[in-house]
Amino acid sequence: MSKQELTEVIVTKYALSKGPFKVLAEVSHGGSMASYKFPGFYMATAHGKDFWLNEADALADCERRRLAKIKAIEKQKKKLESMTFLIEGAA
């Protein structure tokens, strides 16, 4: 990372797996990209709506992601419940 000022951001990119977390990041590209590094690890980035500058927005994003995942799982459940099976072939 360059010597640009670091800003505390909340990364929500992994909200449904690791959970949201705070890091000090270099925010660039007009505020649309955050670059951060954990000690001993590689450089990571979050783009667009994958990071937030305040907790209220970050928590709202986590909730949005949770509800979207629930909706996707319900859709998948309906598809699985409507499945029927037919064994084809000559005996």
PDB file of N, CA and C in Angstrom:
ATOM      1  N   MET A   1       0.841  -1.176   0.000  1.00  0.00           N
ATOM      2  CA  MET A   1       0.000   0.000   0.000  1.00  0.00           C
ATOM      3  C   MET A   1       0.882   1.234   0.000  1.00  0.00           C
ATOM      4  N   SER A   2       0.400   2.251  -0.639  1.00  0.00           N
ATOM      5  CA  SER A   2       1.166   3.493  -0.698  1.00  0.00           C
ATOM      6  C   SER A   2       1.029   4.246   0.618  1.00  0.00           C
ATOM      7  N   LYS A   3       1.562   5.447   0.647  1.00  0.00           N
ATOM      8  CA  LYS A   3       1.521   6.237   1.871  1.00  0.00           C
ATOM      9  C   LYS A   3       0.257   7.085   1.947  1.00  0.00           C
ATOM     10  N   GLN A   4      -0.764   6.694   1.203  1.00  0.00           N
ATOM     11  CA  GLN A   4      -2.038   7.400   1.244  1.00  0.00           C
ATOM     12  C   GLN A   4      -2.697   7.154   2.606  1.00  0.00           C
ATOM     13  N   GLU A   5      -3.555   8.062   3.015  1.00  0.00           N
ATOM     14  CA  GLU A   5      -4.220   7.971   4.313  1.00  0.00           C
ATOM     15  C   GLU A   5      -5.087   6.717   4.400  1.00  0.00           C
ATOM     16  N   LEU A   6      -5.030   6.040   5.553  1.00  0.00           N
ATOM     17  CA  LEU A   6      -5.845   4.853   5.780  1.00  0.00           C
ATOM     18  C   LEU A   6      -7.145   5.250   6.466  1.00  0.00           C
ATOM     19  N   THR A   7      -8.213   4.587   6.074  1.00  0.00           N
ATOM     20  CA  THR A   7      -9.540   4.845   6.609  1.00  0.00           C
ATOM     21  C   THR A   7     -10.091   3.550   7.178  1.00  0.00           C
ATOM     22  N   GLU A   8     -10.773   3.626   8.311  1.00  0.00           N
ATOM     23  CA  GLU A   8     -11.412   2.435   8.859  1.00  0.00           C
ATOM     24  C   GLU A   8     -12.674   2.146   8.055  1.00  0.00           C
ATOM     25  N   VAL A   9     -12.755   0.944   7.494  1.00  0.00           N
ATOM     26  CA  VAL A   9     -13.930   0.524   6.730  1.00  0.00           C
ATOM     27  C   VAL A   9     -14.437  -0.794   7.299  1.00  0.00           C
ATOM     28  N   ILE A  10     -15.684  -1.098   7.009  1.00  0.00           N
ATOM     29  CA  ILE A  10     -16.281  -2.367   7.411  1.00  0.00           C
ATOM     30  C   ILE A  10     -16.539  -3.154   6.137  1.00  0.00           C
ATOM     31  N   VAL A  11     -15.883  -4.292   6.019  1.00  0.00           N
ATOM     32  CA  VAL A  11     -16.014  -5.139   4.835  1.00  0.00           C
ATOM     33  C   VAL A  11     -17.167  -6.115   5.066  1.00  0.00           C
ATOM     34  N   THR A  12     -18.139  -6.103   4.146  1.00  0.00           N
ATOM     35  CA  THR A  12     -19.297  -6.997   4.258  1.00  0.00           C
ATOM     36  C   THR A  12     -19.300  -8.058   3.157  1.00  0.00           C
ATOM     37  N   LYS A  13     -18.258  -8.073   2.365  1.00  0.00           N
ATOM     38  CA  LYS A  13     -18.135  -9.007   1.242  1.00  0.00           C
ATOM     39  C   LYS A  13     -18.320 -10.461   1.702  1.00  0.00           C
ATOM     40  N   TYR A  14     -17.854 -10.761   2.893  1.00  0.00           N
ATOM     41  CA  TYR A  14     -17.915 -12.130   3.416  1.00  0.00           C
ATOM     42  C   TYR A  14     -18.911 -12.239   4.568  1.00  0.00           C
ATOM     43  N   ALA A  15     -19.944 -11.411   4.577  1.00  0.00           N
ATOM     44  CA  ALA A  15     -20.894 -11.345   5.690  1.00  0.00           C
ATOM     45  C   ALA A  15     -21.543 -12.692   5.996  1.00  0.00           C
ATOM     46  N   LEU A  16     -21.823 -13.487   4.983  1.00  0.00           N
ATOM     47  CA  LEU A  16     -22.529 -14.747   5.210  1.00  0.00           C
ATOM     48  C   LEU A  16     -21.599 -15.930   5.449  1.00  0.00           C
ATOM     49  N   SER A  17     -20.299 -15.706   5.387  1.00  0.00           N
ATOM     50  CA  SER A  17     -19.355 -16.797   5.669  1.00  0.00           C
ATOM     51  C   SER A  17     -18.505 -16.459   6.886  1.00  0.00           C
ATOM     52  N   LYS A  18     -17.616 -15.495   6.767  1.00  0.00           N
ATOM     53  CA  LYS A  18     -16.752 -15.105   7.889  1.00  0.00           C
ATOM     54  C   LYS A  18     -17.386 -14.042   8.767  1.00  0.00           C
ATOM     55  N   GLY A  19     -18.360 -13.333   8.229  1.00  0.00           N
ATOM     56  CA  GLY A  19     -18.972 -12.224   8.942  1.00  0.00           C
ATOM     57  C   GLY A  19     -18.307 -10.915   8.570  1.00  0.00           C
ATOM     58  N   PRO A  20     -18.961  -9.797   8.876  1.00  0.00           N
ATOM     59  CA  PRO A  20     -18.374  -8.494   8.563  1.00  0.00           C
ATOM     60  C   PRO A  20     -17.191  -8.208   9.481  1.00  0.00           C
ATOM     61  N   PHE A  21     -16.230  -7.416   9.003  1.00  0.00           N
ATOM     62  CA  PHE A  21     -15.075  -7.083   9.839  1.00  0.00           C
ATOM     63  C   PHE A  21     -14.548  -5.702   9.486  1.00  0.00           C
ATOM     64  N   LYS A  22     -13.897  -5.082  10.479  1.00  0.00           N
ATOM     65  CA  LYS A  22     -13.302  -3.756  10.297  1.00  0.00           C
ATOM     66  C   LYS A  22     -11.831  -3.898   9.945  1.00  0.00           C
ATOM     67  N   VAL A  23     -11.379  -3.047   9.036  1.00  0.00           N
ATOM     68  CA  VAL A  23      -9.963  -2.982   8.668  1.00  0.00           C
ATOM     69  C   VAL A  23      -9.591  -1.533   8.377  1.00  0.00           C
ATOM     70  N   LEU A  24      -8.303  -1.264   8.421  1.00  0.00           N
ATOM     71  CA  LEU A  24      -7.795   0.021   7.945  1.00  0.00           C
ATOM     72  C   LEU A  24      -7.451  -0.178   6.481  1.00  0.00           C
ATOM     73  N   ALA A  25      -8.036   0.637   5.625  1.00  0.00           N
ATOM     74  CA  ALA A  25      -7.872   0.450   4.186  1.00  0.00           C
ATOM     75  C   ALA A  25      -7.560   1.765   3.499  1.00  0.00           C
ATOM     76  N   GLU A  26      -6.945   1.624   2.348  1.00  0.00           N
ATOM     77  CA  GLU A  26      -6.698   2.765   1.468  1.00  0.00           C
ATOM     78  C   GLU A  26      -7.892   2.836   0.521  1.00  0.00           C
ATOM     79  N   VAL A  27      -8.705   3.866   0.654  1.00  0.00           N
ATOM     80  CA  VAL A  27      -9.892   4.023  -0.187  1.00  0.00           C
ATOM     81  C   VAL A  27      -9.501   4.836  -1.419  1.00  0.00           C
ATOM     82  N   SER A  28      -9.820   4.293  -2.594  1.00  0.00           N
ATOM     83  CA  SER A  28      -9.426   4.949  -3.845  1.00  0.00           C
ATOM     84  C   SER A  28     -10.545   4.866  -4.877  1.00  0.00           C
ATOM     85  N   HIS A  29     -10.247   5.321  -6.074  1.00  0.00           N
ATOM     86  CA  HIS A  29     -11.194   5.319  -7.198  1.00  0.00           C
ATOM     87  C   HIS A  29     -12.509   5.992  -6.825  1.00  0.00           C
ATOM     88  N   GLY A  30     -12.391   7.175  -6.244  1.00  0.00           N
ATOM     89  CA  GLY A  30     -13.581   7.940  -5.896  1.00  0.00           C
ATOM     90  C   GLY A  30     -14.418   7.312  -4.801  1.00  0.00           C
ATOM     91  N   GLY A  31     -13.782   6.535  -3.946  1.00  0.00           N
ATOM     92  CA  GLY A  31     -14.494   5.889  -2.845  1.00  0.00           C
ATOM     93  C   GLY A  31     -15.134   4.567  -3.201  1.00  0.00           C
ATOM     94  N   SER A  32     -14.812   4.013  -4.371  1.00  0.00           N
ATOM     95  CA  SER A  32     -15.439   2.760  -4.788  1.00  0.00           C
ATOM     96  C   SER A  32     -14.563   1.529  -4.589  1.00  0.00           C
ATOM     97  N   MET A  33     -13.348   1.707  -4.056  1.00  0.00           N
ATOM     98  CA  MET A  33     -12.471   0.565  -3.822  1.00  0.00           C
ATOM     99  C   MET A  33     -11.691   0.762  -2.532  1.00  0.00           C
ATOM    100  N   ALA A  34     -11.614  -0.303  -1.738  1.00  0.00           N
ATOM    101  CA  ALA A  34     -10.833  -0.281  -0.505  1.00  0.00           C
ATOM    102  C   ALA A  34      -9.783  -1.377  -0.594  1.00  0.00           C
ATOM    103  N   SER A  35      -8.511  -1.018  -0.406  1.00  0.00           N
ATOM    104  CA  SER A  35      -7.408  -1.982  -0.428  1.00  0.00           C
ATOM    105  C   SER A  35      -6.878  -2.122   0.987  1.00  0.00           C
ATOM    106  N   TYR A  36      -6.753  -3.365   1.442  1.00  0.00           N
ATOM    107  CA  TYR A  36      -6.293  -3.602   2.807  1.00  0.00           C
ATOM    108  C   TYR A  36      -5.424  -4.850   2.850  1.00  0.00           C
ATOM    109  N   LYS A  37      -4.682  -4.976   3.938  1.00  0.00           N
ATOM    110  CA  LYS A  37      -3.793  -6.121   4.100  1.00  0.00           C
ATOM    111  C   LYS A  37      -3.780  -6.523   5.564  1.00  0.00           C
ATOM    112  N   PHE A  38      -3.942  -7.821   5.791  1.00  0.00           N
ATOM    113  CA  PHE A  38      -3.780  -8.362   7.129  1.00  0.00           C
ATOM    114  C   PHE A  38      -2.314  -8.726   7.298  1.00  0.00           C
ATOM    115  N   PRO A  39      -1.746  -8.562   8.475  1.00  0.00           N
ATOM    116  CA  PRO A  39      -0.329  -8.894   8.680  1.00  0.00           C
ATOM    117  C   PRO A  39      -0.014 -10.327   8.236  1.00  0.00           C
ATOM    118  N   GLY A  40       1.000 -10.470   7.407  1.00  0.00           N
ATOM    119  CA  GLY A  40       1.422 -11.786   6.942  1.00  0.00           C
ATOM    120  C   GLY A  40       0.606 -12.339   5.787  1.00  0.00           C
ATOM    121  N   PHE A  41      -0.348 -11.583   5.290  1.00  0.00           N
ATOM    122  CA  PHE A  41      -1.189 -12.057   4.196  1.00  0.00           C
ATOM    123  C   PHE A  41      -1.033 -11.152   2.987  1.00  0.00           C
ATOM    124  N   TYR A  42      -1.676 -11.518   1.917  1.00  0.00           N
ATOM    125  CA  TYR A  42      -1.627 -10.756   0.679  1.00  0.00           C
ATOM    126  C   TYR A  42      -2.573  -9.557   0.735  1.00  0.00           C
ATOM    127  N   MET A  43      -2.430  -8.679  -0.210  1.00  0.00           N
ATOM    128  CA  MET A  43      -3.298  -7.513  -0.333  1.00  0.00           C
ATOM    129  C   MET A  43      -4.680  -7.969  -0.793  1.00  0.00           C
ATOM    130  N   ALA A  44      -5.709  -7.417  -0.207  1.00  0.00           N
ATOM    131  CA  ALA A  44      -7.083  -7.741  -0.588  1.00  0.00           C
ATOM    132  C   ALA A  44      -7.817  -6.447  -0.924  1.00  0.00           C
ATOM    133  N   THR A  45      -8.879  -6.586  -1.699  1.00  0.00           N
ATOM    134  CA  THR A  45      -9.668  -5.411  -2.057  1.00  0.00           C
ATOM    135  C   THR A  45     -11.150  -5.698  -1.888  1.00  0.00           C
ATOM    136  N   ALA A  46     -11.894  -4.648  -1.667  1.00  0.00           N
ATOM    137  CA  ALA A  46     -13.352  -4.708  -1.650  1.00  0.00           C
ATOM    138  C   ALA A  46     -13.824  -3.587  -2.563  1.00  0.00           C
ATOM    139  N   HIS A  47     -14.812  -3.864  -3.372  1.00  0.00           N
ATOM    140  CA  HIS A  47     -15.286  -2.897  -4.360  1.00  0.00           C
ATOM    141  C   HIS A  47     -16.757  -2.564  -4.131  1.00  0.00           C
ATOM    142  N   GLY A  48     -17.134  -1.367  -4.517  1.00  0.00           N
ATOM    143  CA  GLY A  48     -18.539  -0.965  -4.528  1.00  0.00           C
ATOM    144  C   GLY A  48     -19.253  -1.179  -3.211  1.00  0.00           C
ATOM    145  N   LYS A  49     -20.265  -2.031  -3.228  1.00  0.00           N
ATOM    146  CA  LYS A  49     -21.090  -2.263  -2.041  1.00  0.00           C
ATOM    147  C   LYS A  49     -20.586  -3.428  -1.194  1.00  0.00           C
ATOM    148  N   ASP A  50     -19.296  -3.733  -1.294  1.00  0.00           N
ATOM    149  CA  ASP A  50     -18.691  -4.775  -0.459  1.00  0.00           C
ATOM    150  C   ASP A  50     -18.014  -4.196   0.770  1.00  0.00           C
ATOM    151  N   PHE A  51     -18.018  -2.872   0.920  1.00  0.00           N
ATOM    152  CA  PHE A  51     -17.467  -2.242   2.120  1.00  0.00           C
ATOM    153  C   PHE A  51     -18.224  -0.955   2.409  1.00  0.00           C
ATOM    154  N   TRP A  52     -18.189  -0.549   3.683  1.00  0.00           N
ATOM    155  CA  TRP A  52     -18.948   0.616   4.139  1.00  0.00           C
ATOM    156  C   TRP A  52     -18.113   1.418   5.120  1.00  0.00           C
ATOM    157  N   LEU A  53     -18.436   2.686   5.249  1.00  0.00           N
ATOM    158  CA  LEU A  53     -17.691   3.574   6.138  1.00  0.00           C
ATOM    159  C   LEU A  53     -18.320   3.704   7.518  1.00  0.00           C
ATOM    160  N   ASN A  54     -19.572   3.233   7.682  1.00  0.00           N
ATOM    161  CA  ASN A  54     -20.191   3.297   9.007  1.00  0.00           C
ATOM    162  C   ASN A  54     -20.949   2.007   9.307  1.00  0.00           C
ATOM    163  N   GLU A  55     -21.127   1.738  10.594  1.00  0.00           N
ATOM    164  CA  GLU A  55     -21.722   0.475  11.024  1.00  0.00           C
ATOM    165  C   GLU A  55     -23.172   0.324  10.593  1.00  0.00           C
ATOM    166  N   ALA A  56     -23.940   1.401  10.619  1.00  0.00           N
ATOM    167  CA  ALA A  56     -25.356   1.314  10.253  1.00  0.00           C
ATOM    168  C   ALA A  56     -25.516   0.828   8.812  1.00  0.00           C
ATOM    169  N   ASP A  57     -24.750   1.397   7.893  1.00  0.00           N
ATOM    170  CA  ASP A  57     -24.817   0.972   6.493  1.00  0.00           C
ATOM    171  C   ASP A  57     -24.312  -0.458   6.332  1.00  0.00           C
ATOM    172  N   ALA A  58     -23.265  -0.813   7.060  1.00  0.00           N
ATOM    173  CA  ALA A  58     -22.711  -2.169   6.976  1.00  0.00           C
ATOM    174  C   ALA A  58     -23.721  -3.198   7.474  1.00  0.00           C
ATOM    175  N   LEU A  59     -24.365  -2.918   8.600  1.00  0.00           N
ATOM    176  CA  LEU A  59     -25.358  -3.851   9.137  1.00  0.00           C
ATOM    177  C   LEU A  59     -26.563  -3.969   8.211  1.00  0.00           C
ATOM    178  N   ALA A  60     -26.979  -2.870   7.609  1.00  0.00           N
ATOM    179  CA  ALA A  60     -28.086  -2.913   6.648  1.00  0.00           C
ATOM    180  C   ALA A  60     -27.710  -3.779   5.446  1.00  0.00           C
ATOM    181  N   ASP A  61     -26.462  -3.692   4.992  1.00  0.00           N
ATOM    182  CA  ASP A  61     -26.006  -4.512   3.875  1.00  0.00           C
ATOM    183  C   ASP A  61     -25.969  -5.988   4.260  1.00  0.00           C
ATOM    184  N   CYS A  62     -25.516  -6.291   5.469  1.00  0.00           N
ATOM    185  CA  CYS A  62     -25.501  -7.684   5.941  1.00  0.00           C
ATOM    186  C   CYS A  62     -26.918  -8.253   5.953  1.00  0.00           C
ATOM    187  N   GLU A  63     -27.859  -7.462   6.437  1.00  0.00           N
ATOM    188  CA  GLU A  63     -29.257  -7.899   6.473  1.00  0.00           C
ATOM    189  C   GLU A  63     -29.793  -8.096   5.055  1.00  0.00           C
ATOM    190  N   ARG A  64     -29.458  -7.208   4.135  1.00  0.00           N
ATOM    191  CA  ARG A  64     -29.885  -7.351   2.742  1.00  0.00           C
ATOM    192  C   ARG A  64     -29.340  -8.645   2.148  1.00  0.00           C
ATOM    193  N   ARG A  65     -28.074  -8.931   2.416  1.00  0.00           N
ATOM    194  CA  ARG A  65     -27.455 -10.158   1.911  1.00  0.00           C
ATOM    195  C   ARG A  65     -28.116 -11.400   2.507  1.00  0.00           C
ATOM    196  N   ARG A  66     -28.423 -11.342   3.804  1.00  0.00           N
ATOM    197  CA  ARG A  66     -29.065 -12.474   4.483  1.00  0.00           C
ATOM    198  C   ARG A  66     -30.434 -12.761   3.874  1.00  0.00           C
ATOM    199  N   LEU A  67     -31.238 -11.715   3.694  1.00  0.00           N
ATOM    200  CA  LEU A  67     -32.576 -11.888   3.127  1.00  0.00           C
ATOM    201  C   LEU A  67     -32.515 -12.392   1.688  1.00  0.00           C
ATOM    202  N   ALA A  68     -31.559 -11.911   0.904  1.00  0.00           N
ATOM    203  CA  ALA A  68     -31.405 -12.380  -0.476  1.00  0.00           C
ATOM    204  C   ALA A  68     -31.035 -13.859  -0.506  1.00  0.00           C
ATOM    205  N   LYS A  69     -30.185 -14.286   0.421  1.00  0.00           N
ATOM    206  CA  LYS A  69     -29.782 -15.697   0.480  1.00  0.00           C
ATOM    207  C   LYS A  69     -30.961 -16.574   0.878  1.00  0.00           C
ATOM    208  N   ILE A  70     -31.752 -16.116   1.857  1.00  0.00           N
ATOM    209  CA  ILE A  70     -32.940 -16.865   2.269  1.00  0.00           C
ATOM    210  C   ILE A  70     -33.899 -17.012   1.091  1.00  0.00           C
ATOM    211  N   LYS A  71     -34.109 -15.935   0.338  1.00  0.00           N
ATOM    212  CA  LYS A  71     -34.999 -15.974  -0.826  1.00  0.00           C
ATOM    213  C   LYS A  71     -34.492 -16.975  -1.860  1.00  0.00           C
ATOM    214  N   ALA A  72     -33.181 -16.987  -2.101  1.00  0.00           N
ATOM    215  CA  ALA A  72     -32.598 -17.922  -3.070  1.00  0.00           C
ATOM    216  C   ALA A  72     -32.762 -19.366  -2.605  1.00  0.00           C
ATOM    217  N   ILE A  73     -32.597 -19.601  -1.310  1.00  0.00           N
ATOM    218  CA  ILE A  73     -32.743 -20.959  -0.772  1.00  0.00           C
ATOM    219  C   ILE A  73     -34.196 -21.409  -0.864  1.00  0.00           C
ATOM    220  N   GLU A  74     -35.140 -20.497  -0.583  1.00  0.00           N
ATOM    221  CA  GLU A  74     -36.562 -20.840  -0.700  1.00  0.00           C
ATOM    222  C   GLU A  74     -36.922 -21.184  -2.140  1.00  0.00           C
ATOM    223  N   LYS A  75     -36.369 -20.449  -3.092  1.00  0.00           N
ATOM    224  CA  LYS A  75     -36.609 -20.733  -4.509  1.00  0.00           C
ATOM    225  C   LYS A  75     -36.056 -22.108  -4.872  1.00  0.00           C
ATOM    226  N   GLN A  76     -34.863 -22.412  -4.377  1.00  0.00           N
ATOM    227  CA  GLN A  76     -34.253 -23.717  -4.642  1.00  0.00           C
ATOM    228  C   GLN A  76     -35.078 -24.831  -3.999  1.00  0.00           C
ATOM    229  N   LYS A  77     -35.593 -24.582  -2.801  1.00  0.00           N
ATOM    230  CA  LYS A  77     -36.417 -25.576  -2.098  1.00  0.00           C
ATOM    231  C   LYS A  77     -37.675 -25.882  -2.907  1.00  0.00           C
ATOM    232  N   LYS A  78     -38.342 -24.840  -3.422  1.00  0.00           N
ATOM    233  CA  LYS A  78     -39.545 -25.049  -4.234  1.00  0.00           C
ATOM    234  C   LYS A  78     -39.225 -25.885  -5.468  1.00  0.00           C
ATOM    235  N   LYS A  79     -38.103 -25.594  -6.097  1.00  0.00           N
ATOM    236  CA  LYS A  79     -37.709 -26.340  -7.290  1.00  0.00           C
ATOM    237  C   LYS A  79     -37.486 -27.810  -6.942  1.00  0.00           C
ATOM    238  N   LEU A  80     -36.808 -28.072  -5.836  1.00  0.00           N
ATOM    239  CA  LEU A  80     -36.538 -29.452  -5.432  1.00  0.00           C
ATOM    240  C   LEU A  80     -37.824 -30.182  -5.043  1.00  0.00           C
ATOM    241  N   GLU A  81     -38.732 -29.482  -4.371  1.00  0.00           N
ATOM    242  CA  GLU A  81     -39.989 -30.110  -3.959  1.00  0.00           C
ATOM    243  C   GLU A  81     -40.875 -30.445  -5.154  1.00  0.00           C
ATOM    244  N   SER A  82     -40.768 -29.702  -6.234  1.00  0.00           N
ATOM    245  CA  SER A  82     -41.609 -29.956  -7.404  1.00  0.00           C
ATOM    246  C   SER A  82     -41.005 -30.993  -8.352  1.00  0.00           C
ATOM    247  N   MET A  83     -39.809 -31.445  -8.069  1.00  0.00           N
ATOM    248  CA  MET A  83     -39.161 -32.428  -8.941  1.00  0.00           C
ATOM    249  C   MET A  83     -39.872 -33.772  -8.874  1.00  0.00           C
ATOM    250  N   THR A  84     -39.959 -34.408 -10.032  1.00  0.00           N
ATOM    251  CA  THR A  84     -40.436 -35.790 -10.092  1.00  0.00           C
ATOM    252  C   THR A  84     -39.396 -36.582 -10.876  1.00  0.00           C
ATOM    253  N   PHE A  85     -39.377 -37.858 -10.626  1.00  0.00           N
ATOM    254  CA  PHE A  85     -38.370 -38.697 -11.263  1.00  0.00           C
ATOM    255  C   PHE A  85     -39.042 -39.803 -12.063  1.00  0.00           C
ATOM    256  N   LEU A  86     -38.483 -40.094 -13.205  1.00  0.00           N
ATOM    257  CA  LEU A  86     -38.971 -41.149 -14.074  1.00  0.00           C
ATOM    258  C   LEU A  86     -37.755 -41.900 -14.589  1.00  0.00           C
ATOM    259  N   ILE A  87     -37.754 -43.186 -14.359  1.00  0.00           N
ATOM    260  CA  ILE A  87     -36.640 -44.007 -14.836  1.00  0.00           C
ATOM    261  C   ILE A  87     -36.986 -44.492 -16.235  1.00  0.00           C
ATOM    262  N   GLU A  88     -36.139 -44.135 -17.181  1.00  0.00           N
ATOM    263  CA  GLU A  88     -36.377 -44.496 -18.573  1.00  0.00           C
ATOM    264  C   GLU A  88     -35.449 -45.626 -18.990  1.00  0.00           C
ATOM    265  N   GLY A  89     -35.850 -46.308 -20.019  1.00  0.00           N
ATOM    266  CA  GLY A  89     -35.010 -47.358 -20.567  1.00  0.00           C
ATOM    267  C   GLY A  89     -35.773 -48.667 -20.656  1.00  0.00           C
ATOM    268  N   ALA A  90     -35.289 -49.530 -21.523  1.00  0.00           N
ATOM    269  CA  ALA A  90     -35.929 -50.831 -21.712  1.00  0.00           C
ATOM    270  C   ALA A  90     -35.395 -51.809 -20.691  1.00  0.00           C
ATOM    271  N   ALA A  91     -36.293 -52.646 -20.210  1.00  0.00           N
ATOM    272  CA  ALA A  91     -35.886 -53.650 -19.225  1.00  0.00           C
ATOM    273  C   ALA A  91     -35.745 -54.995 -19.867  1.00  0.00           C
TER     274      ALA A  91
END
